[in-house]
Structures are given as C-alpha cells and as structure tokens.
PDB file of N, CA and C in Angstrom:
ATOM      1  N   VAL A   1     -15.811  -1.498   9.342  1.00  0.00           N
ATOM      2  CA  VAL A   1     -14.676  -1.634   8.674  1.00  0.00           C
ATOM      3  C   VAL A   1     -13.678  -2.756   8.589  1.00  0.00           C
ATOM      4  N   GLN A   2     -13.755  -3.380   7.655  1.00  0.00           N
ATOM      5  CA  GLN A   2     -12.431  -4.502   7.684  1.00  0.00           C
ATOM      6  C   GLN A   2     -11.524  -4.222   6.091  1.00  0.00           C
ATOM      7  N   LEU A   3     -10.473  -4.717   6.375  1.00  0.00           N
ATOM      8  CA  LEU A   3      -9.330  -4.900   5.154  1.00  0.00           C
ATOM      9  C   LEU A   3      -8.654  -6.117   5.122  1.00  0.00           C
ATOM     10  N   GLN A   4      -8.915  -6.679   4.025  1.00  0.00           N
ATOM     11  CA  GLN A   4      -8.172  -8.016   4.103  1.00  0.00           C
ATOM     12  C   GLN A   4      -7.145  -7.878   2.824  1.00  0.00           C
ATOM     13  N   ALA A   5      -5.852  -7.971   3.245  1.00  0.00           N
ATOM     14  CA  ALA A   5      -4.739  -7.553   2.068  1.00  0.00           C
ATOM     15  C   ALA A   5      -4.231  -9.025   2.022  1.00  0.00           C
ATOM     16  N   SER A   6      -3.544  -9.074   0.749  1.00  0.00           N
ATOM     17  CA  SER A   6      -3.080 -10.455  -0.229  1.00  0.00           C
ATOM     18  C   SER A   6      -2.487 -10.183  -1.201  1.00  0.00           C
ATOM     19  N   GLY A   7      -1.210 -11.118  -1.631  1.00  0.00           N
ATOM     20  CA  GLY A   7      -0.697 -10.873  -2.590  1.00  0.00           C
ATOM     21  C   GLY A   7       0.863 -10.912  -2.382  1.00  0.00           C
ATOM     22  N   GLY A   8       1.221 -10.838  -1.236  1.00  0.00           N
ATOM     23  CA  GLY A   8       2.400 -11.251  -0.974  1.00  0.00           C
ATOM     24  C   GLY A   8       3.334 -12.398  -1.049  1.00  0.00           C
ATOM     25  N   GLY A   9       4.367 -12.138  -1.336  1.00  0.00           N
ATOM     26  CA  GLY A   9       5.104 -13.669  -1.317  1.00  0.00           C
ATOM     27  C   GLY A   9       6.873 -13.488  -1.999  1.00  0.00           C
ATOM     28  N   LEU A  10       7.305 -14.416  -2.288  1.00  0.00           N
ATOM     29  CA  LEU A  10       8.909 -14.245  -2.580  1.00  0.00           C
ATOM     30  C   LEU A  10       9.113 -14.507  -4.067  1.00  0.00           C
ATOM     31  N   VAL A  11       9.826 -13.090  -4.415  1.00  0.00           N
ATOM     32  CA  VAL A  11      10.148 -12.934  -5.644  1.00  0.00           C
ATOM     33  C   VAL A  11      11.712 -12.510  -5.838  1.00  0.00           C
ATOM     34  N   HIS A  12      12.110 -12.609  -7.356  1.00  0.00           N
ATOM     35  CA  HIS A  12      13.176 -12.458  -7.300  1.00  0.00           C
ATOM     36  C   HIS A  12      13.573 -10.863  -7.625  1.00  0.00           C
ATOM     37  N   SER A  13      14.834 -10.314  -7.500  1.00  0.00           N
ATOM     38  CA  SER A  13      15.184  -8.825  -7.782  1.00  0.00           C
ATOM     39  C   SER A  13      14.959  -8.785  -9.213  1.00  0.00           C
ATOM     40  N   GLY A  14      14.152  -7.820  -9.241  1.00  0.00           N
ATOM     41  CA  GLY A  14      13.458  -7.302 -10.796  1.00  0.00           C
ATOM     42  C   GLY A  14      12.329  -7.826 -11.026  1.00  0.00           C
ATOM     43  N   GLY A  15      11.631  -8.821  -9.867  1.00  0.00           N
ATOM     44  CA  GLY A  15      10.303  -9.177 -10.593  1.00  0.00           C
ATOM     45  C   GLY A  15       9.334  -8.282 -10.258  1.00  0.00           C
ATOM     46  N   SER A  16       8.121  -9.023 -10.413  1.00  0.00           N
ATOM     47  CA  SER A  16       6.761  -7.976 -10.029  1.00  0.00           C
ATOM     48  C   SER A  16       5.799  -9.028  -8.917  1.00  0.00           C
ATOM     49  N   LEU A  17       5.000  -8.088  -8.404  1.00  0.00           N
ATOM     50  CA  LEU A  17       4.066  -8.680  -7.679  1.00  0.00           C
ATOM     51  C   LEU A  17       2.841  -7.918  -7.468  1.00  0.00           C
ATOM     52  N   ARG A  18       1.591  -8.133  -7.390  1.00  0.00           N
ATOM     53  CA  ARG A  18       0.762  -7.140  -7.058  1.00  0.00           C
ATOM     54  C   ARG A  18       0.041  -8.090  -5.554  1.00  0.00           C
ATOM     55  N   LEU A  19       0.020  -6.489  -4.673  1.00  0.00           N
ATOM     56  CA  LEU A  19      -0.993  -6.598  -3.812  1.00  0.00           C
ATOM     57  C   LEU A  19      -2.282  -6.300  -3.839  1.00  0.00           C
ATOM     58  N   THR A  20      -3.296  -6.771  -3.001  1.00  0.00           N
ATOM     59  CA  THR A  20      -4.554  -6.576  -3.281  1.00  0.00           C
ATOM     60  C   THR A  20      -5.121  -6.461  -1.844  1.00  0.00           C
ATOM     61  N   CYS A  21      -6.064  -5.299  -1.745  1.00  0.00           N
ATOM     62  CA  CYS A  21      -6.584  -5.000  -0.322  1.00  0.00           C
ATOM     63  C   CYS A  21      -8.357  -4.900  -0.450  1.00  0.00           C
ATOM     64  N   ALA A  22      -8.678  -5.802  -0.045  1.00  0.00           N
ATOM     65  CA  ALA A  22     -10.388  -5.881   0.033  1.00  0.00           C
ATOM     66  C   ALA A  22     -10.802  -4.909   1.220  1.00  0.00           C
ATOM     67  N   ALA A  23     -11.870  -4.251   0.815  1.00  0.00           N
ATOM     68  CA  ALA A  23     -12.135  -3.419   1.673  1.00  0.00           C
ATOM     69  C   ALA A  23     -13.414  -3.448   1.820  1.00  0.00           C
ATOM     70  N   SER A  24     -14.304  -3.806   3.217  1.00  0.00           N
ATOM     71  CA  SER A  24     -15.273  -3.614   3.267  1.00  0.00           C
ATOM     72  C   SER A  24     -15.991  -2.473   4.281  1.00  0.00           C
ATOM     73  N   GLY A  25     -17.334  -1.894   4.344  1.00  0.00           N
ATOM     74  CA  GLY A  25     -17.827  -0.765   4.971  1.00  0.00           C
ATOM     75  C   GLY A  25     -17.795   0.409   4.060  1.00  0.00           C
ATOM     76  N   ARG A  26     -17.886   1.775   5.024  1.00  0.00           N
ATOM     77  CA  ARG A  26     -18.084   3.018   4.120  1.00  0.00           C
ATOM     78  C   ARG A  26     -16.741   3.391   3.575  1.00  0.00           C
ATOM     79  N   THR A  27     -17.241   4.481   2.437  1.00  0.00           N
ATOM     80  CA  THR A  27     -15.957   4.600   1.914  1.00  0.00           C
ATOM     81  C   THR A  27     -14.986   6.065   2.972  1.00  0.00           C
ATOM     82  N   PHE A  28     -13.752   5.716   2.235  1.00  0.00           N
ATOM     83  CA  PHE A  28     -13.237   7.014   2.873  1.00  0.00           C
ATOM     84  C   PHE A  28     -12.056   7.732   2.197  1.00  0.00           C
ATOM     85  N   ARG A  29     -11.647   8.799   2.416  1.00  0.00           N
ATOM     86  CA  ARG A  29     -11.001   9.927   1.687  1.00  0.00           C
ATOM     87  C   ARG A  29      -9.538   9.115   1.079  1.00  0.00           C
ATOM     88  N   SER A  30      -8.810   8.462   1.839  1.00  0.00           N
ATOM     89  CA  SER A  30      -7.635   7.989   1.348  1.00  0.00           C
ATOM     90  C   SER A  30      -7.341   6.671   1.602  1.00  0.00           C
ATOM     91  N   TYR A  31      -6.811   5.746   0.914  1.00  0.00           N
ATOM     92  CA  TYR A  31      -6.702   4.279   0.887  1.00  0.00           C
ATOM     93  C   TYR A  31      -5.292   4.152   0.570  1.00  0.00           C
ATOM     94  N   ALA A  32      -4.381   3.434   1.518  1.00  0.00           N
ATOM     95  CA  ALA A  32      -2.847   3.847   1.251  1.00  0.00           C
ATOM     96  C   ALA A  32      -2.319   2.381   1.868  1.00  0.00           C
ATOM     97  N   TRP A  33      -0.785   2.283   1.174  1.00  0.00           N
ATOM     98  CA  TRP A  33      -0.202   1.106   1.562  1.00  0.00           C
ATOM     99  C   TRP A  33       1.215   2.148   2.234  1.00  0.00           C
ATOM    100  N   PHE A  34       1.372   1.024   3.246  1.00  0.00           N
ATOM    101  CA  PHE A  34       2.410   1.273   3.951  1.00  0.00           C
ATOM    102  C   PHE A  34       3.654   0.245   4.237  1.00  0.00           C
ATOM    103  N   CYS A  35       4.562  -0.013   4.642  1.00  0.00           N
ATOM    104  CA  CYS A  35       5.212  -1.034   4.656  1.00  0.00           C
ATOM    105  C   CYS A  35       6.320  -1.039   6.032  1.00  0.00           C
ATOM    106  N   GLN A  36       6.474  -2.029   6.543  1.00  0.00           N
ATOM    107  CA  GLN A  36       7.693  -2.376   7.389  1.00  0.00           C
ATOM    108  C   GLN A  36       8.650  -2.904   7.218  1.00  0.00           C
ATOM    109  N   PRO A  37       9.765  -2.888   6.812  1.00  0.00           N
ATOM    110  CA  PRO A  37      10.982  -3.548   6.459  1.00  0.00           C
ATOM    111  C   PRO A  37      11.370  -3.972   7.742  1.00  0.00           C
ATOM    112  N   PRO A  38      11.931  -5.310   7.935  1.00  0.00           N
ATOM    113  CA  PRO A  38      12.648  -5.700   8.997  1.00  0.00           C
ATOM    114  C   PRO A  38      13.499  -4.816   9.905  1.00  0.00           C
ATOM    115  N   GLY A  39      13.217  -4.856  11.289  1.00  0.00           N
ATOM    116  CA  GLY A  39      13.932  -3.961  12.268  1.00  0.00           C
ATOM    117  C   GLY A  39      13.815  -2.337  12.013  1.00  0.00           C
ATOM    118  N   LYS A  40      13.109  -1.860  11.181  1.00  0.00           N
ATOM    119  CA  LYS A  40      12.782  -0.565  10.863  1.00  0.00           C
ATOM    120  C   LYS A  40      11.427  -0.277  10.820  1.00  0.00           C
ATOM    121  N   GLU A  41      11.235   1.114  11.052  1.00  0.00           N
ATOM    122  CA  GLU A  41       9.738   1.540  11.191  1.00  0.00           C
ATOM    123  C   GLU A  41       9.020   1.636  10.123  1.00  0.00           C
ATOM    124  N   ARG A  42       7.334   1.427  10.503  1.00  0.00           N
ATOM    125  CA  ARG A  42       6.685   1.697   9.597  1.00  0.00           C
ATOM    126  C   ARG A  42       6.901   3.065   8.536  1.00  0.00           C
ATOM    127  N   GLU A  43       7.020   2.826   6.834  1.00  0.00           N
ATOM    128  CA  GLU A  43       6.851   3.960   6.164  1.00  0.00           C
ATOM    129  C   GLU A  43       5.834   3.713   5.002  1.00  0.00           C
ATOM    130  N   PHE A  44       5.716   5.009   4.581  1.00  0.00           N
ATOM    131  CA  PHE A  44       4.485   5.673   3.585  1.00  0.00           C
ATOM    132  C   PHE A  44       5.220   4.813   2.336  1.00  0.00           C
ATOM    133  N   VAL A  45       4.258   4.005   1.258  1.00  0.00           N
ATOM    134  CA  VAL A  45       4.630   3.478   0.108  1.00  0.00           C
ATOM    135  C   VAL A  45       3.922   4.367  -1.012  1.00  0.00           C
ATOM    136  N   ALA A  46       2.244   4.400  -0.844  1.00  0.00           N
ATOM    137  CA  ALA A  46       1.857   4.927  -1.878  1.00  0.00           C
ATOM    138  C   ALA A  46       0.021   5.286  -1.123  1.00  0.00           C
ATOM    139  N   ALA A  47      -0.427   6.108  -2.042  1.00  0.00           N
ATOM    140  CA  ALA A  47      -1.998   6.401  -1.494  1.00  0.00           C
ATOM    141  C   ALA A  47      -2.699   6.733  -2.728  1.00  0.00           C
ATOM    142  N   VAL A  48      -4.109   6.545  -2.796  1.00  0.00           N
ATOM    143  CA  VAL A  48      -4.935   7.235  -3.652  1.00  0.00           C
ATOM    144  C   VAL A  48      -5.834   7.891  -2.681  1.00  0.00           C
ATOM    145  N   VAL A  49      -6.523   8.865  -3.159  1.00  0.00           N
ATOM    146  CA  VAL A  49      -7.245  10.083  -2.430  1.00  0.00           C
ATOM    147  C   VAL A  49      -8.384  10.300  -3.375  1.00  0.00           C
ATOM    148  N   ASN A  50      -9.468  10.763  -2.692  1.00  0.00           N
ATOM    149  CA  ASN A  50     -10.543  11.603  -3.111  1.00  0.00           C
ATOM    150  C   ASN A  50     -11.048  10.666  -4.693  1.00  0.00           C
ATOM    151  N   MET A  51     -11.638   9.263  -4.201  1.00  0.00           N
ATOM    152  CA  MET A  51     -11.984   8.381  -5.086  1.00  0.00           C
ATOM    153  C   MET A  51     -11.154   8.094  -6.550  1.00  0.00           C
ATOM    154  N   ALA A  52      -9.629   8.048  -5.924  1.00  0.00           N
ATOM    155  CA  ALA A  52      -8.702   7.897  -6.978  1.00  0.00           C
ATOM    156  C   ALA A  52      -8.391   8.852  -7.850  1.00  0.00           C
ATOM    157  N   SER A  53      -8.738   9.958  -7.551  1.00  0.00           N
ATOM    158  CA  SER A  53      -8.538  11.201  -8.555  1.00  0.00           C
ATOM    159  C   SER A  53      -7.260  11.725  -8.311  1.00  0.00           C
ATOM    160  N   ARG A  54      -6.225  10.883  -7.181  1.00  0.00           N
ATOM    161  CA  ARG A  54      -5.021  11.737  -6.896  1.00  0.00           C
ATOM    162  C   ARG A  54      -4.212  10.509  -6.233  1.00  0.00           C
ATOM    163  N   ARG A  55      -3.161  10.599  -6.761  1.00  0.00           N
ATOM    164  CA  ARG A  55      -1.971   9.518  -5.857  1.00  0.00           C
ATOM    165  C   ARG A  55      -0.759  10.002  -5.831  1.00  0.00           C
ATOM    166  N   TYR A  56      -0.369   9.478  -4.367  1.00  0.00           N
ATOM    167  CA  TYR A  56       0.580  10.059  -3.978  1.00  0.00           C
ATOM    168  C   TYR A  56       1.775   8.796  -3.716  1.00  0.00           C
ATOM    169  N   TYR A  57       3.227   8.856  -3.923  1.00  0.00           N
ATOM    170  CA  TYR A  57       3.928   7.752  -3.417  1.00  0.00           C
ATOM    171  C   TYR A  57       5.304   8.463  -2.747  1.00  0.00           C
ATOM    172  N   GLY A  58       5.608   7.396  -2.201  1.00  0.00           N
ATOM    173  CA  GLY A  58       6.947   7.623  -1.491  1.00  0.00           C
ATOM    174  C   GLY A  58       8.356   7.290  -2.144  1.00  0.00           C
ATOM    175  N   ASP A  59       9.117   8.379  -1.997  1.00  0.00           N
ATOM    176  CA  ASP A  59      10.376   8.615  -3.084  1.00  0.00           C
ATOM    177  C   ASP A  59      10.990   7.008  -3.293  1.00  0.00           C
ATOM    178  N   SER A  60      10.940   6.209  -2.347  1.00  0.00           N
ATOM    179  CA  SER A  60      11.846   5.221  -2.855  1.00  0.00           C
ATOM    180  C   SER A  60      10.956   4.282  -3.883  1.00  0.00           C
ATOM    181  N   VAL A  61       9.748   4.480  -4.290  1.00  0.00           N
ATOM    182  CA  VAL A  61       8.868   3.592  -5.108  1.00  0.00           C
ATOM    183  C   VAL A  61       8.185   4.262  -6.174  1.00  0.00           C
ATOM    184  N   LYS A  62       8.652   5.508  -6.335  1.00  0.00           N
ATOM    185  CA  LYS A  62       8.535   6.442  -7.578  1.00  0.00           C
ATOM    186  C   LYS A  62       8.841   5.670  -8.849  1.00  0.00           C
ATOM    187  N   GLY A  63       8.379   5.447  -9.722  1.00  0.00           N
ATOM    188  CA  GLY A  63       8.268   4.961 -11.128  1.00  0.00           C
ATOM    189  C   GLY A  63       8.456   3.091 -11.116  1.00  0.00           C
ATOM    190  N   ARG A  64       8.010   2.785  -9.706  1.00  0.00           N
ATOM    191  CA  ARG A  64       8.586   1.332  -9.984  1.00  0.00           C
ATOM    192  C   ARG A  64       6.944   0.957  -9.398  1.00  0.00           C
ATOM    193  N   PHE A  65       6.457   1.421  -8.660  1.00  0.00           N
ATOM    194  CA  PHE A  65       5.079   0.987  -8.228  1.00  0.00           C
ATOM    195  C   PHE A  65       3.780   1.830  -8.642  1.00  0.00           C
ATOM    196  N   THR A  66       2.587   1.083  -8.775  1.00  0.00           N
ATOM    197  CA  THR A  66       1.432   2.082  -8.882  1.00  0.00           C
ATOM    198  C   THR A  66       0.290   1.402  -8.201  1.00  0.00           C
ATOM    199  N   VAL A  67      -0.122   2.754  -7.326  1.00  0.00           N
ATOM    200  CA  VAL A  67      -1.316   2.533  -6.674  1.00  0.00           C
ATOM    201  C   VAL A  67      -2.730   2.534  -7.508  1.00  0.00           C
ATOM    202  N   SER A  68      -3.907   2.152  -7.025  1.00  0.00           N
ATOM    203  CA  SER A  68      -5.080   1.850  -7.706  1.00  0.00           C
ATOM    204  C   SER A  68      -6.243   1.582  -6.937  1.00  0.00           C
ATOM    205  N   ARG A  69      -7.232   1.951  -7.345  1.00  0.00           N
ATOM    206  CA  ARG A  69      -8.374   1.627  -6.484  1.00  0.00           C
ATOM    207  C   ARG A  69      -9.634   1.389  -7.666  1.00  0.00           C
ATOM    208  N   ASP A  70     -10.285   0.166  -7.415  1.00  0.00           N
ATOM    209  CA  ASP A  70     -11.602   0.025  -8.065  1.00  0.00           C
ATOM    210  C   ASP A  70     -12.608   0.421  -7.179  1.00  0.00           C
ATOM    211  N   ASN A  71     -13.066   1.610  -7.644  1.00  0.00           N
ATOM    212  CA  ASN A  71     -14.137   2.265  -6.368  1.00  0.00           C
ATOM    213  C   ASN A  71     -15.353   1.175  -6.662  1.00  0.00           C
ATOM    214  N   ALA A  72     -15.703   0.975  -7.814  1.00  0.00           N
ATOM    215  CA  ALA A  72     -17.147  -0.024  -7.357  1.00  0.00           C
ATOM    216  C   ALA A  72     -16.702  -1.246  -6.542  1.00  0.00           C
ATOM    217  N   LYS A  73     -15.841  -1.961  -6.526  1.00  0.00           N
ATOM    218  CA  LYS A  73     -15.421  -3.314  -6.080  1.00  0.00           C
ATOM    219  C   LYS A  73     -14.803  -2.852  -4.827  1.00  0.00           C
ATOM    220  N   ASN A  74     -14.494  -1.822  -4.275  1.00  0.00           N
ATOM    221  CA  ASN A  74     -13.988  -1.254  -3.059  1.00  0.00           C
ATOM    222  C   ASN A  74     -12.374  -2.190  -3.095  1.00  0.00           C
ATOM    223  N   ILE A  75     -11.927  -2.372  -3.813  1.00  0.00           N
ATOM    224  CA  ILE A  75     -10.646  -2.825  -4.002  1.00  0.00           C
ATOM    225  C   ILE A  75      -9.299  -2.189  -4.060  1.00  0.00           C
ATOM    226  N   LEU A  76      -8.370  -2.030  -3.165  1.00  0.00           N
ATOM    227  CA  LEU A  76      -6.954  -1.312  -3.458  1.00  0.00           C
ATOM    228  C   LEU A  76      -6.046  -2.231  -4.196  1.00  0.00           C
ATOM    229  N   TYR A  77      -5.354  -1.818  -5.021  1.00  0.00           N
ATOM    230  CA  TYR A  77      -4.270  -2.499  -5.637  1.00  0.00           C
ATOM    231  C   TYR A  77      -2.868  -1.797  -5.292  1.00  0.00           C
ATOM    232  N   LEU A  78      -1.655  -2.435  -5.245  1.00  0.00           N
ATOM    233  CA  LEU A  78      -0.457  -2.153  -5.493  1.00  0.00           C
ATOM    234  C   LEU A  78       0.334  -2.921  -6.297  1.00  0.00           C
ATOM    235  N   ASP A  79       0.640  -2.161  -7.623  1.00  0.00           N
ATOM    236  CA  ASP A  79       1.409  -3.138  -8.481  1.00  0.00           C
ATOM    237  C   ASP A  79       2.901  -3.038  -8.242  1.00  0.00           C
ATOM    238  N   MET A  80       3.711  -3.497  -8.189  1.00  0.00           N
ATOM    239  CA  MET A  80       5.057  -3.342  -7.659  1.00  0.00           C
ATOM    240  C   MET A  80       6.065  -4.008  -8.803  1.00  0.00           C
ATOM    241  N   ASN A  81       6.677  -3.515  -9.492  1.00  0.00           N
ATOM    242  CA  ASN A  81       7.395  -3.799 -10.682  1.00  0.00           C
ATOM    243  C   ASN A  81       9.164  -3.098 -10.453  1.00  0.00           C
ATOM    244  N   SER A  82       9.904  -4.034 -10.965  1.00  0.00           N
ATOM    245  CA  SER A  82      11.425  -3.769 -10.992  1.00  0.00           C
ATOM    246  C   SER A  82      11.578  -3.956  -9.252  1.00  0.00           C
ATOM    247  N   LEU A  83      11.288  -5.118  -8.700  1.00  0.00           N
ATOM    248  CA  LEU A  83      11.300  -4.777  -7.063  1.00  0.00           C
ATOM    249  C   LEU A  83      12.838  -5.120  -6.897  1.00  0.00           C
ATOM    250  N   LYS A  84      13.423  -4.900  -5.455  1.00  0.00           N
ATOM    251  CA  LYS A  84      14.682  -5.015  -5.051  1.00  0.00           C
ATOM    252  C   LYS A  84      14.814  -5.717  -3.701  1.00  0.00           C
ATOM    253  N   PRO A  85      15.617  -5.970  -3.507  1.00  0.00           N
ATOM    254  CA  PRO A  85      16.026  -6.671  -1.687  1.00  0.00           C
ATOM    255  C   PRO A  85      15.167  -5.783  -0.737  1.00  0.00           C
ATOM    256  N   GLU A  86      15.596  -4.592  -1.264  1.00  0.00           N
ATOM    257  CA  GLU A  86      15.074  -3.646  -0.091  1.00  0.00           C
ATOM    258  C   GLU A  86      14.133  -3.154  -0.076  1.00  0.00           C
ATOM    259  N   ASP A  87      13.167  -3.756  -1.060  1.00  0.00           N
ATOM    260  CA  ASP A  87      11.605  -3.794  -0.617  1.00  0.00           C
ATOM    261  C   ASP A  87      10.966  -4.636  -0.178  1.00  0.00           C
ATOM    262  N   THR A  88      11.867  -5.811   0.507  1.00  0.00           N
ATOM    263  CA  THR A  88      11.261  -6.825   1.596  1.00  0.00           C
ATOM    264  C   THR A  88      10.782  -6.064   2.767  1.00  0.00           C
ATOM    265  N   ALA A  89       9.645  -6.403   2.914  1.00  0.00           N
ATOM    266  CA  ALA A  89       8.837  -5.839   4.116  1.00  0.00           C
ATOM    267  C   ALA A  89       7.483  -6.361   4.085  1.00  0.00           C
ATOM    268  N   VAL A  90       6.875  -6.160   5.005  1.00  0.00           N
ATOM    269  CA  VAL A  90       5.421  -6.514   5.536  1.00  0.00           C
ATOM    270  C   VAL A  90       4.654  -5.318   5.024  1.00  0.00           C
ATOM    271  N   TYR A  91       3.844  -5.511   4.102  1.00  0.00           N
ATOM    272  CA  TYR A  91       2.775  -4.510   3.741  1.00  0.00           C
ATOM    273  C   TYR A  91       1.598  -4.325   4.085  1.00  0.00           C
ATOM    274  N   TYR A  92       1.242  -3.049   4.327  1.00  0.00           N
ATOM    275  CA  TYR A  92      -0.181  -2.982   4.992  1.00  0.00           C
ATOM    276  C   TYR A  92      -0.957  -1.970   3.989  1.00  0.00           C
ATOM    277  N   CYS A  93      -2.261  -2.381   3.966  1.00  0.00           N
ATOM    278  CA  CYS A  93      -3.200  -1.439   3.713  1.00  0.00           C
ATOM    279  C   CYS A  93      -3.991  -0.732   4.746  1.00  0.00           C
ATOM    280  N   ALA A  94      -4.005   0.497   4.458  1.00  0.00           N
ATOM    281  CA  ALA A  94      -5.025   1.397   5.621  1.00  0.00           C
ATOM    282  C   ALA A  94      -5.896   2.588   4.850  1.00  0.00           C
ATOM    283  N   VAL A  95      -6.729   2.825   5.482  1.00  0.00           N
ATOM    284  CA  VAL A  95      -7.869   3.622   5.042  1.00  0.00           C
ATOM    285  C   VAL A  95      -8.323   4.631   6.108  1.00  0.00           C
ATOM    286  N   GLY A  96      -8.052   5.909   5.611  1.00  0.00           N
ATOM    287  CA  GLY A  96      -8.931   6.811   6.664  1.00  0.00           C
ATOM    288  C   GLY A  96      -9.142   8.063   6.234  1.00  0.00           C
ATOM    289  N   ASP A  97      -9.235   9.280   6.804  1.00  0.00           N
ATOM    290  CA  ASP A  97      -9.501  10.587   6.168  1.00  0.00           C
ATOM    291  C   ASP A  97      -9.026  11.702   6.571  1.00  0.00           C
ATOM    292  N   PRO A  98      -7.481  11.496   6.186  1.00  0.00           N
ATOM    293  CA  PRO A  98      -6.341  12.551   6.592  1.00  0.00           C
ATOM    294  C   PRO A  98      -6.487  13.772   5.939  1.00  0.00           C
ATOM    295  N   ILE A  99      -6.139  14.550   6.168  1.00  0.00           N
ATOM    296  CA  ILE A  99      -5.877  16.144   5.465  1.00  0.00           C
ATOM    297  C   ILE A  99      -4.720  15.695   4.317  1.00  0.00           C
ATOM    298  N   ILE A 100      -4.648  16.473   3.163  1.00  0.00           N
ATOM    299  CA  ILE A 100      -3.840  16.309   2.258  1.00  0.00           C
ATOM    300  C   ILE A 100      -2.340  16.208   2.842  1.00  0.00           C
ATOM    301  N   SER A 101      -1.627  16.910   3.685  1.00  0.00           N
ATOM    302  CA  SER A 101      -0.690  17.140   4.027  1.00  0.00           C
ATOM    303  C   SER A 101      -0.030  15.837   4.863  1.00  0.00           C
ATOM    304  N   TYR A 102      -1.345  15.334   5.605  1.00  0.00           N
ATOM    305  CA  TYR A 102      -1.124  13.907   6.061  1.00  0.00           C
ATOM    306  C   TYR A 102      -1.453  12.646   5.475  1.00  0.00           C
ATOM    307  N   VAL A 103      -1.263  12.344   4.090  1.00  0.00           N
ATOM    308  CA  VAL A 103      -1.704  11.587   3.310  1.00  0.00           C
ATOM    309  C   VAL A 103      -0.638  10.412   3.755  1.00  0.00           C
ATOM    310  N   SER A 104       0.792  10.967   3.889  1.00  0.00           N
ATOM    311  CA  SER A 104       1.835  10.125   4.129  1.00  0.00           C
ATOM    312  C   SER A 104       2.312   9.343   5.340  1.00  0.00           C
ATOM    313  N   ALA A 105       1.357  10.185   6.566  1.00  0.00           N
ATOM    314  CA  ALA A 105       1.518   9.967   7.835  1.00  0.00           C
ATOM    315  C   ALA A 105       0.653   8.697   8.301  1.00  0.00           C
ATOM    316  N   SER A 106       0.915   7.635   8.829  1.00  0.00           N
ATOM    317  CA  SER A 106       0.643   6.730   9.656  1.00  0.00           C
ATOM    318  C   SER A 106      -0.666   6.889  10.275  1.00  0.00           C
ATOM    319  N   GLU A 107      -0.183   8.519  11.121  1.00  0.00           N
ATOM    320  CA  GLU A 107      -1.421   8.821  11.809  1.00  0.00           C
ATOM    321  C   GLU A 107      -2.587   9.036  11.484  1.00  0.00           C
ATOM    322  N   GLY A 108      -2.456   9.361  10.191  1.00  0.00           N
ATOM    323  CA  GLY A 108      -3.819   9.778   9.365  1.00  0.00           C
ATOM    324  C   GLY A 108      -4.910   8.752   9.578  1.00  0.00           C
ATOM    325  N   TYR A 109      -4.541   7.750   9.601  1.00  0.00           N
ATOM    326  CA  TYR A 109      -5.347   6.423   9.065  1.00  0.00           C
ATOM    327  C   TYR A 109      -5.986   5.565  10.221  1.00  0.00           C
ATOM    328  N   ARG A 110      -7.304   5.371  10.173  1.00  0.00           N
ATOM    329  CA  ARG A 110      -8.062   4.817  11.292  1.00  0.00           C
ATOM    330  C   ARG A 110      -7.951   3.240  11.186  1.00  0.00           C
ATOM    331  N   VAL A 111      -7.988   2.443  10.243  1.00  0.00           N
ATOM    332  CA  VAL A 111      -8.271   1.223   9.997  1.00  0.00           C
ATOM    333  C   VAL A 111      -7.039   0.637   9.215  1.00  0.00           C
ATOM    334  N   TRP A 112      -6.412  -0.580   9.629  1.00  0.00           N
ATOM    335  CA  TRP A 112      -5.467  -1.100   9.275  1.00  0.00           C
ATOM    336  C   TRP A 112      -5.719  -2.847   8.946  1.00  0.00           C
ATOM    337  N   GLY A 113      -5.037  -3.334   7.831  1.00  0.00           N
ATOM    338  CA  GLY A 113      -4.941  -4.756   7.432  1.00  0.00           C
ATOM    339  C   GLY A 113      -4.108  -5.132   7.867  1.00  0.00           C
ATOM    340  N   GLN A 114      -4.376  -6.549   7.882  1.00  0.00           N
ATOM    341  CA  GLN A 114      -3.216  -7.366   8.451  1.00  0.00           C
ATOM    342  C   GLN A 114      -1.967  -7.657   8.102  1.00  0.00           C
ATOM    343  N   GLY A 115      -1.456  -7.125   6.950  1.00  0.00           N
ATOM    344  CA  GLY A 115      -0.289  -7.033   6.758  1.00  0.00           C
ATOM    345  C   GLY A 115      -0.171  -8.475   5.707  1.00  0.00           C
ATOM    346  N   THR A 116       0.901  -8.308   4.793  1.00  0.00           N
ATOM    347  CA  THR A 116       1.319  -9.345   3.890  1.00  0.00           C
ATOM    348  C   THR A 116       2.699  -9.248   3.223  1.00  0.00           C
ATOM    349  N   LEU A 117       3.521 -10.383   3.639  1.00  0.00           N
ATOM    350  CA  LEU A 117       4.742 -10.202   3.476  1.00  0.00           C
ATOM    351  C   LEU A 117       5.236 -10.118   1.896  1.00  0.00           C
ATOM    352  N   VAL A 118       6.108  -9.517   1.802  1.00  0.00           N
ATOM    353  CA  VAL A 118       7.188  -9.349   0.557  1.00  0.00           C
ATOM    354  C   VAL A 118       8.250  -9.600   0.566  1.00  0.00           C
ATOM    355  N   THR A 119       9.032 -10.525   0.314  1.00  0.00           N
ATOM    356  CA  THR A 119      10.270 -10.919   0.410  1.00  0.00           C
ATOM    357  C   THR A 119      11.058 -11.083  -0.969  1.00  0.00           C
ATOM    358  N   VAL A 120      11.912  -9.931  -1.237  1.00  0.00           N
ATOM    359  CA  VAL A 120      12.813 -10.004  -2.752  1.00  0.00           C
ATOM    360  C   VAL A 120      14.149 -10.462  -2.356  1.00  0.00           C
ATOM    361  N   SER A 121      14.288 -11.569  -3.022  1.00  0.00           N
ATOM    362  CA  SER A 121      15.860 -12.172  -3.047  1.00  0.00           C
ATOM    363  C   SER A 121      16.587 -11.260  -4.028  1.00  0.00           C
ATOM    364  N   SER A 122      18.061 -11.825  -3.827  1.00  0.00           N
ATOM    365  CA  SER A 122      18.911 -10.983  -4.632  1.00  0.00           C
ATOM    366  C   SER A 122      19.265 -12.089  -5.318  1.00  0.00           C
TER     367      SER A 122
END
C-alpha cells in the first residue's frame, strides 16, 4: 500500500486549498487526514469511514474543512476553506482499520503518506 499526498502550498488567511491523497493497494476501513503544526504534536483533522458512509472531523476544522473519498479511484480529498494561520502544518493522509472509537487516534493507522505542507499567511 502506498499513499501519495499533494496539494499543499501557501495561501492567504481566508483562502482555500484542496489536498489530494492517491492510494494504491487494498481498501481499508478508514481514510484520514492528520496534521502536525510547527513544534506541536500530530493531531487529527478528518476521516471517512466504511466507504465514505461516515465522516469525522476534529473540533478545530468543523464547518470549514470537508473530507471525501472517490471510492472508484481510491483518492482521498480534503477541501479546506476559511483557512487560518493556525492551520499551518504538514498534512498527512493515513489509512487503517481502527475501531470507531479510535478513528481520530494516529495509533489506528498503519500506512502514512509523506506529508504536504500548508502555510497560511495572515
């Protein structure tokens, strides 16, 4: 299984970006995005579970970010709107088979992409 993330870049506060994660290999239960802000721990952003039938979001991105997955193409997306400087981070896609209560835990994911940097200027 391999994950290839792309779409990061520099954007002004209030702007938008779309991150893409192309996955190869078998299907997993959960496809997620995590981010790691500078000098901080990795944190959960969003996930789609069970062929995108359920979606989960971190509190800081609810209402601004939308996670989706093209099941046929095996591509995961993260549409990021109303970006804030505090969204600046390296964003990682990850796949795994965590139970629902561990969907937001990095320990639930077996395979990680290489990360793509998002920088939001004020």
